[in-house]
Amino acid sequence: MTEWLHIACVGAFFVYAIPHVSACLAMAMSPQRGRILRPYMSAGPVMGLALGACIAAGLVQMWLEEQSFPLFDPDRRWQTAAFLALWVSNIKLEIWTLEPARKAQASADDHRLALPVLRHLYVHSAAIAAVLAVSRL
């Protein structure tokens, strides 16, 4: 059963991570960042559900394997740190970066709204890469 949970966690993480990294790369390379911003933001609910599924599957898998949550064990400190960095980055991305862009009307100013999103997506993509580097995904 833990194999299926691991597959679910990995799959959900990639459903979460790929749109973020893709939007970051697309906005970095495109002179028309605003055209990428709105479709990226509309994928937000799917990415949020995927992150929640990844966390739930990971916690259930951890419990079934170890009958505890050894998140702060010395052997897991880098995994815990990477996850917490991604979590804090996601909160900052959603609340302080994307929410003002969501409240703004779609217009020619989307390019201006995309700049802070792109800056944070660089940080968020680095956090995603850190989770991939130190986790068992």
N, C-alpha and C. Protein backbone atom coordinates (compact mmCIF):
# COMPACT_ATOMS: atom_id res chain seq x y z
N MET A 1 0.82 -1.20 0.00
CA MET A 1 0.00 0.00 0.00
C MET A 1 0.87 1.26 0.00
N THR A 2 2.00 1.19 0.68
CA THR A 2 2.84 2.39 0.73
C THR A 2 3.42 2.73 -0.64
N GLU A 3 3.57 1.73 -1.50
CA GLU A 3 4.05 2.01 -2.86
C GLU A 3 3.03 2.88 -3.61
N TRP A 4 1.75 2.57 -3.46
CA TRP A 4 0.70 3.34 -4.12
C TRP A 4 0.64 4.76 -3.55
N LEU A 5 0.84 4.88 -2.25
CA LEU A 5 0.86 6.21 -1.65
C LEU A 5 2.05 7.02 -2.16
N HIS A 6 3.17 6.36 -2.31
CA HIS A 6 4.36 7.05 -2.84
C HIS A 6 4.11 7.51 -4.28
N ILE A 7 3.51 6.66 -5.08
CA ILE A 7 3.19 7.03 -6.47
C ILE A 7 2.20 8.19 -6.49
N ALA A 8 1.20 8.14 -5.60
CA ALA A 8 0.22 9.24 -5.52
C ALA A 8 0.90 10.54 -5.10
N CYS A 9 1.79 10.45 -4.14
CA CYS A 9 2.50 11.64 -3.67
C CYS A 9 3.37 12.24 -4.77
N VAL A 10 4.11 11.40 -5.46
CA VAL A 10 4.98 11.87 -6.54
C VAL A 10 4.14 12.47 -7.67
N GLY A 11 3.09 11.77 -8.07
CA GLY A 11 2.23 12.28 -9.13
C GLY A 11 1.62 13.62 -8.77
N ALA A 12 1.10 13.73 -7.55
CA ALA A 12 0.49 14.99 -7.12
C ALA A 12 1.53 16.10 -7.05
N PHE A 13 2.75 15.76 -6.60
CA PHE A 13 3.79 16.79 -6.53
C PHE A 13 4.12 17.32 -7.92
N PHE A 14 4.19 16.44 -8.90
CA PHE A 14 4.49 16.90 -10.25
C PHE A 14 3.34 17.70 -10.86
N VAL A 15 2.08 17.34 -10.53
CA VAL A 15 0.95 18.15 -10.98
C VAL A 15 1.05 19.54 -10.35
N TYR A 16 1.56 19.63 -9.14
CA TYR A 16 1.77 20.91 -8.48
C TYR A 16 2.96 21.66 -9.07
N ALA A 17 4.07 20.98 -9.25
CA ALA A 17 5.34 21.64 -9.59
C ALA A 17 5.44 22.06 -11.05
N ILE A 18 4.98 21.24 -11.96
CA ILE A 18 5.19 21.52 -13.39
C ILE A 18 4.58 22.85 -13.83
N PRO A 19 3.33 23.19 -13.45
CA PRO A 19 2.82 24.50 -13.86
C PRO A 19 3.62 25.68 -13.31
N HIS A 20 4.11 25.56 -12.07
CA HIS A 20 4.91 26.64 -11.49
C HIS A 20 6.20 26.84 -12.27
N VAL A 21 6.94 25.77 -12.47
CA VAL A 21 8.22 25.87 -13.16
C VAL A 21 8.01 26.25 -14.63
N SER A 22 6.99 25.70 -15.27
CA SER A 22 6.70 26.05 -16.66
C SER A 22 6.35 27.53 -16.80
N ALA A 23 5.52 28.04 -15.90
CA ALA A 23 5.16 29.46 -15.94
C ALA A 23 6.38 30.33 -15.70
N CYS A 24 7.23 29.92 -14.80
CA CYS A 24 8.46 30.67 -14.53
C CYS A 24 9.33 30.75 -15.79
N LEU A 25 9.55 29.61 -16.41
CA LEU A 25 10.38 29.59 -17.62
C LEU A 25 9.73 30.36 -18.76
N ALA A 26 8.42 30.18 -18.94
CA ALA A 26 7.72 30.87 -20.03
C ALA A 26 7.73 32.38 -19.82
N MET A 27 7.49 32.83 -18.59
CA MET A 27 7.50 34.27 -18.34
C MET A 27 8.90 34.85 -18.46
N ALA A 28 9.90 34.08 -18.08
CA ALA A 28 11.28 34.56 -18.18
C ALA A 28 11.70 34.74 -19.63
N MET A 29 11.19 33.91 -20.53
CA MET A 29 11.61 33.95 -21.93
C MET A 29 10.70 34.79 -22.82
N SER A 30 9.51 35.11 -22.33
CA SER A 30 8.54 35.81 -23.18
C SER A 30 8.52 37.31 -22.90
N PRO A 31 8.48 38.11 -23.93
CA PRO A 31 8.31 39.55 -23.70
C PRO A 31 6.87 39.90 -23.31
N GLN A 32 5.93 39.00 -23.55
CA GLN A 32 4.53 39.23 -23.20
C GLN A 32 4.14 38.38 -22.01
N ARG A 33 4.67 38.71 -20.85
CA ARG A 33 4.45 37.93 -19.63
C ARG A 33 2.98 37.90 -19.22
N GLY A 34 2.27 38.97 -19.53
CA GLY A 34 0.87 39.05 -19.14
C GLY A 34 0.01 37.97 -19.76
N ARG A 35 0.35 37.53 -20.94
CA ARG A 35 -0.42 36.46 -21.60
C ARG A 35 -0.25 35.12 -20.90
N ILE A 36 0.82 34.96 -20.16
CA ILE A 36 1.08 33.71 -19.44
C ILE A 36 0.48 33.78 -18.04
N LEU A 37 0.41 34.97 -17.47
CA LEU A 37 -0.03 35.15 -16.09
C LEU A 37 -1.45 34.64 -15.85
N ARG A 38 -2.40 35.05 -16.66
CA ARG A 38 -3.81 34.68 -16.42
C ARG A 38 -4.05 33.17 -16.51
N PRO A 39 -3.56 32.47 -17.54
CA PRO A 39 -3.76 31.01 -17.54
C PRO A 39 -3.06 30.32 -16.36
N TYR A 40 -1.90 30.83 -15.98
CA TYR A 40 -1.19 30.26 -14.82
C TYR A 40 -2.05 30.42 -13.56
N MET A 41 -2.62 31.60 -13.37
CA MET A 41 -3.44 31.82 -12.18
C MET A 41 -4.71 30.98 -12.20
N SER A 42 -5.25 30.73 -13.38
CA SER A 42 -6.47 29.92 -13.45
C SER A 42 -6.21 28.46 -13.11
N ALA A 43 -4.97 28.03 -13.17
CA ALA A 43 -4.62 26.65 -12.79
C ALA A 43 -4.40 26.52 -11.29
N GLY A 44 -4.51 27.62 -10.55
CA GLY A 44 -4.26 27.62 -9.11
C GLY A 44 -5.03 26.60 -8.29
N PRO A 45 -6.36 26.47 -8.49
CA PRO A 45 -7.09 25.48 -7.69
C PRO A 45 -6.60 24.04 -7.90
N VAL A 46 -6.25 23.70 -9.12
CA VAL A 46 -5.75 22.35 -9.40
C VAL A 46 -4.39 22.14 -8.70
N MET A 47 -3.54 23.16 -8.77
CA MET A 47 -2.24 23.05 -8.11
C MET A 47 -2.39 22.96 -6.60
N GLY A 48 -3.34 23.71 -6.04
CA GLY A 48 -3.57 23.65 -4.60
C GLY A 48 -4.07 22.28 -4.16
N LEU A 49 -5.00 21.73 -4.91
CA LEU A 49 -5.50 20.38 -4.59
C LEU A 49 -4.39 19.34 -4.73
N ALA A 50 -3.54 19.50 -5.73
CA ALA A 50 -2.43 18.57 -5.92
C ALA A 50 -1.45 18.64 -4.76
N LEU A 51 -1.13 19.85 -4.31
CA LEU A 51 -0.22 19.98 -3.16
C LEU A 51 -0.84 19.34 -1.92
N GLY A 52 -2.12 19.58 -1.70
CA GLY A 52 -2.80 18.95 -0.57
C GLY A 52 -2.79 17.43 -0.66
N ALA A 53 -3.01 16.89 -1.85
CA ALA A 53 -2.97 15.43 -2.04
C ALA A 53 -1.58 14.89 -1.79
N CYS A 54 -0.57 15.62 -2.23
CA CYS A 54 0.81 15.19 -2.02
C CYS A 54 1.14 15.15 -0.52
N ILE A 55 0.75 16.18 0.19
CA ILE A 55 1.02 16.23 1.64
C ILE A 55 0.27 15.12 2.35
N ALA A 56 -1.01 14.93 2.03
CA ALA A 56 -1.81 13.88 2.68
C ALA A 56 -1.23 12.49 2.40
N ALA A 57 -0.92 12.22 1.15
CA ALA A 57 -0.36 10.90 0.81
C ALA A 57 1.00 10.70 1.48
N GLY A 58 1.81 11.74 1.53
CA GLY A 58 3.12 11.62 2.17
C GLY A 58 3.00 11.36 3.66
N LEU A 59 2.06 12.05 4.33
CA LEU A 59 1.89 11.83 5.77
C LEU A 59 1.34 10.43 6.07
N VAL A 60 0.37 9.98 5.27
CA VAL A 60 -0.17 8.63 5.48
C VAL A 60 0.93 7.59 5.23
N GLN A 61 1.71 7.78 4.18
CA GLN A 61 2.79 6.84 3.89
C GLN A 61 3.80 6.81 5.03
N MET A 62 4.15 7.99 5.54
CA MET A 62 5.11 8.05 6.65
C MET A 62 4.56 7.33 7.88
N TRP A 63 3.28 7.52 8.16
CA TRP A 63 2.68 6.88 9.33
C TRP A 63 2.66 5.36 9.16
N LEU A 64 2.29 4.89 7.98
CA LEU A 64 2.22 3.44 7.76
C LEU A 64 3.60 2.79 7.83
N GLU A 65 4.62 3.49 7.38
CA GLU A 65 5.97 2.92 7.40
C GLU A 65 6.61 2.99 8.77
N GLU A 66 6.38 4.07 9.53
CA GLU A 66 7.14 4.28 10.76
C GLU A 66 6.29 4.41 12.00
N GLN A 67 4.98 4.42 11.86
CA GLN A 67 4.06 4.57 12.98
C GLN A 67 4.32 5.85 13.78
N SER A 68 4.89 6.85 13.12
CA SER A 68 5.14 8.15 13.74
C SER A 68 5.41 9.16 12.64
N PHE A 69 5.62 10.39 13.06
CA PHE A 69 5.97 11.46 12.13
C PHE A 69 7.34 12.01 12.51
N PRO A 70 8.40 11.34 12.08
CA PRO A 70 9.75 11.76 12.49
C PRO A 70 10.30 12.92 11.65
N LEU A 71 9.53 13.99 11.55
CA LEU A 71 9.92 15.10 10.70
C LEU A 71 11.18 15.81 11.18
N PHE A 72 11.40 15.81 12.48
CA PHE A 72 12.54 16.56 13.01
C PHE A 72 13.69 15.66 13.44
N ASP A 73 13.69 14.42 12.98
CA ASP A 73 14.83 13.54 13.22
C ASP A 73 16.05 14.08 12.47
N PRO A 74 17.24 13.87 13.00
CA PRO A 74 18.44 14.35 12.30
C PRO A 74 18.56 13.81 10.87
N ASP A 75 18.06 12.60 10.64
CA ASP A 75 18.14 12.02 9.30
C ASP A 75 17.22 12.72 8.30
N ARG A 76 16.21 13.41 8.78
CA ARG A 76 15.22 14.04 7.90
C ARG A 76 15.25 15.57 7.95
N ARG A 77 16.25 16.13 8.59
CA ARG A 77 16.23 17.59 8.77
C ARG A 77 16.25 18.35 7.45
N TRP A 78 16.95 17.84 6.44
CA TRP A 78 16.99 18.54 5.15
C TRP A 78 15.68 18.41 4.41
N GLN A 79 15.04 17.25 4.53
CA GLN A 79 13.72 17.09 3.91
C GLN A 79 12.71 18.03 4.55
N THR A 80 12.74 18.10 5.88
CA THR A 80 11.82 18.98 6.59
C THR A 80 12.09 20.44 6.24
N ALA A 81 13.35 20.83 6.20
CA ALA A 81 13.70 22.21 5.87
C ALA A 81 13.26 22.57 4.45
N ALA A 82 13.48 21.67 3.51
CA ALA A 82 13.07 21.94 2.12
C ALA A 82 11.56 22.04 2.02
N PHE A 83 10.84 21.15 2.69
CA PHE A 83 9.38 21.20 2.66
C PHE A 83 8.87 22.50 3.28
N LEU A 84 9.43 22.90 4.43
CA LEU A 84 8.99 24.14 5.08
C LEU A 84 9.30 25.36 4.21
N ALA A 85 10.44 25.35 3.54
CA ALA A 85 10.78 26.46 2.63
C ALA A 85 9.78 26.53 1.49
N LEU A 86 9.41 25.39 0.93
CA LEU A 86 8.41 25.37 -0.14
C LEU A 86 7.05 25.83 0.36
N TRP A 87 6.68 25.40 1.55
CA TRP A 87 5.39 25.77 2.12
C TRP A 87 5.31 27.28 2.35
N VAL A 88 6.35 27.85 2.97
CA VAL A 88 6.37 29.29 3.21
C VAL A 88 6.38 30.04 1.87
N SER A 89 7.15 29.56 0.91
CA SER A 89 7.19 30.19 -0.40
C SER A 89 5.82 30.14 -1.07
N ASN A 90 5.12 29.03 -0.93
CA ASN A 90 3.79 28.90 -1.51
C ASN A 90 2.81 29.87 -0.86
N ILE A 91 2.89 30.03 0.46
CA ILE A 91 2.01 30.97 1.15
C ILE A 91 2.29 32.39 0.67
N LYS A 92 3.56 32.76 0.58
CA LYS A 92 3.91 34.10 0.11
C LYS A 92 3.46 34.29 -1.34
N LEU A 93 3.65 33.27 -2.16
CA LEU A 93 3.22 33.36 -3.55
C LEU A 93 1.73 33.60 -3.66
N GLU A 94 0.96 32.84 -2.92
CA GLU A 94 -0.50 32.95 -3.00
C GLU A 94 -1.03 34.25 -2.42
N ILE A 95 -0.60 34.61 -1.22
CA ILE A 95 -1.23 35.72 -0.51
C ILE A 95 -0.67 37.07 -0.94
N TRP A 96 0.64 37.21 -0.99
CA TRP A 96 1.21 38.54 -1.22
C TRP A 96 1.60 38.80 -2.68
N THR A 97 1.67 37.75 -3.48
CA THR A 97 2.10 37.96 -4.86
C THR A 97 0.96 37.78 -5.85
N LEU A 98 0.25 36.67 -5.77
CA LEU A 98 -0.81 36.40 -6.75
C LEU A 98 -2.13 37.10 -6.42
N GLU A 99 -2.44 37.28 -5.15
CA GLU A 99 -3.74 37.87 -4.80
C GLU A 99 -3.91 39.28 -5.37
N PRO A 100 -2.91 40.16 -5.30
CA PRO A 100 -3.09 41.47 -5.96
C PRO A 100 -3.29 41.34 -7.46
N ALA A 101 -2.63 40.39 -8.10
CA ALA A 101 -2.82 40.20 -9.54
C ALA A 101 -4.22 39.66 -9.84
N ARG A 102 -4.75 38.81 -8.98
CA ARG A 102 -6.11 38.29 -9.18
C ARG A 102 -7.15 39.39 -9.04
N LYS A 103 -6.93 40.29 -8.10
CA LYS A 103 -7.90 41.36 -7.87
C LYS A 103 -7.90 42.40 -8.98
N ALA A 104 -6.79 42.52 -9.68
CA ALA A 104 -6.70 43.50 -10.77
C ALA A 104 -7.49 43.00 -11.97
N GLN A 105 -8.07 43.91 -12.70
CA GLN A 105 -8.78 43.56 -13.92
C GLN A 105 -7.78 43.16 -15.00
N ALA A 106 -8.17 42.22 -15.82
CA ALA A 106 -7.33 41.83 -16.95
C ALA A 106 -7.20 43.03 -17.89
N SER A 107 -5.95 43.38 -18.18
CA SER A 107 -5.74 44.56 -19.03
C SER A 107 -4.32 44.53 -19.58
N ALA A 108 -3.95 45.64 -20.17
CA ALA A 108 -2.60 45.77 -20.69
C ALA A 108 -1.58 45.82 -19.56
N ASP A 109 -2.03 46.07 -18.33
CA ASP A 109 -1.13 46.11 -17.18
C ASP A 109 -0.72 44.71 -16.70
N ASP A 110 -1.21 43.66 -17.33
CA ASP A 110 -0.85 42.31 -16.91
C ASP A 110 0.66 42.10 -16.97
N HIS A 111 1.33 42.78 -17.89
CA HIS A 111 2.79 42.67 -17.97
C HIS A 111 3.41 43.22 -16.68
N ARG A 112 2.92 44.35 -16.21
CA ARG A 112 3.42 44.94 -14.97
C ARG A 112 3.10 44.04 -13.77
N LEU A 113 1.92 43.44 -13.75
CA LEU A 113 1.53 42.54 -12.66
C LEU A 113 2.35 41.26 -12.67
N ALA A 114 2.82 40.84 -13.84
CA ALA A 114 3.56 39.58 -13.95
C ALA A 114 4.97 39.68 -13.39
N LEU A 115 5.54 40.86 -13.30
CA LEU A 115 6.93 40.99 -12.84
C LEU A 115 7.14 40.51 -11.40
N PRO A 116 6.32 40.93 -10.42
CA PRO A 116 6.52 40.38 -9.07
C PRO A 116 6.25 38.88 -9.00
N VAL A 117 5.30 38.41 -9.81
CA VAL A 117 5.02 36.98 -9.85
C VAL A 117 6.24 36.23 -10.38
N LEU A 118 6.82 36.72 -11.44
CA LEU A 118 8.00 36.08 -12.00
C LEU A 118 9.15 36.08 -11.00
N ARG A 119 9.38 37.21 -10.32
CA ARG A 119 10.46 37.25 -9.33
C ARG A 119 10.26 36.19 -8.25
N HIS A 120 9.01 36.05 -7.79
CA HIS A 120 8.79 35.03 -6.76
C HIS A 120 8.82 33.62 -7.34
N LEU A 121 8.43 33.45 -8.58
CA LEU A 121 8.49 32.12 -9.18
C LEU A 121 9.93 31.62 -9.30
N TYR A 122 10.89 32.53 -9.44
CA TYR A 122 12.30 32.10 -9.41
C TYR A 122 12.61 31.45 -8.06
N VAL A 123 12.20 32.11 -6.98
CA VAL A 123 12.43 31.57 -5.63
C VAL A 123 11.65 30.28 -5.43
N HIS A 124 10.40 30.28 -5.88
CA HIS A 124 9.54 29.10 -5.69
C HIS A 124 10.06 27.90 -6.48
N SER A 125 10.54 28.15 -7.67
CA SER A 125 11.12 27.06 -8.47
C SER A 125 12.37 26.50 -7.79
N ALA A 126 13.15 27.36 -7.16
CA ALA A 126 14.31 26.88 -6.41
C ALA A 126 13.88 26.03 -5.22
N ALA A 127 12.79 26.42 -4.56
CA ALA A 127 12.28 25.61 -3.45
C ALA A 127 11.76 24.27 -3.95
N ILE A 128 11.11 24.25 -5.09
CA ILE A 128 10.65 22.99 -5.69
C ILE A 128 11.85 22.10 -6.01
N ALA A 129 12.89 22.68 -6.59
CA ALA A 129 14.10 21.92 -6.90
C ALA A 129 14.75 21.38 -5.62
N ALA A 130 14.73 22.17 -4.54
CA ALA A 130 15.31 21.70 -3.28
C ALA A 130 14.54 20.50 -2.74
N VAL A 131 13.21 20.56 -2.82
CA VAL A 131 12.40 19.42 -2.35
C VAL A 131 12.73 18.18 -3.18
N LEU A 132 12.84 18.34 -4.49
CA LEU A 132 13.18 17.20 -5.33
C LEU A 132 14.58 16.67 -5.02
N ALA A 133 15.50 17.55 -4.72
CA ALA A 133 16.89 17.14 -4.47
C ALA A 133 17.06 16.36 -3.18
N VAL A 134 16.32 16.72 -2.15
CA VAL A 134 16.56 16.08 -0.85
C VAL A 134 15.49 15.09 -0.43
N SER A 135 14.44 14.95 -1.22
CA SER A 135 13.36 14.04 -0.82
C SER A 135 13.50 12.69 -1.49
N ARG A 136 12.58 11.84 -1.13
CA ARG A 136 12.56 10.50 -1.74
C ARG A 136 11.62 10.44 -2.93
N LEU A 137 11.30 11.58 -3.52
CA LEU A 137 10.37 11.61 -4.66
C LEU A 137 11.00 11.02 -5.87
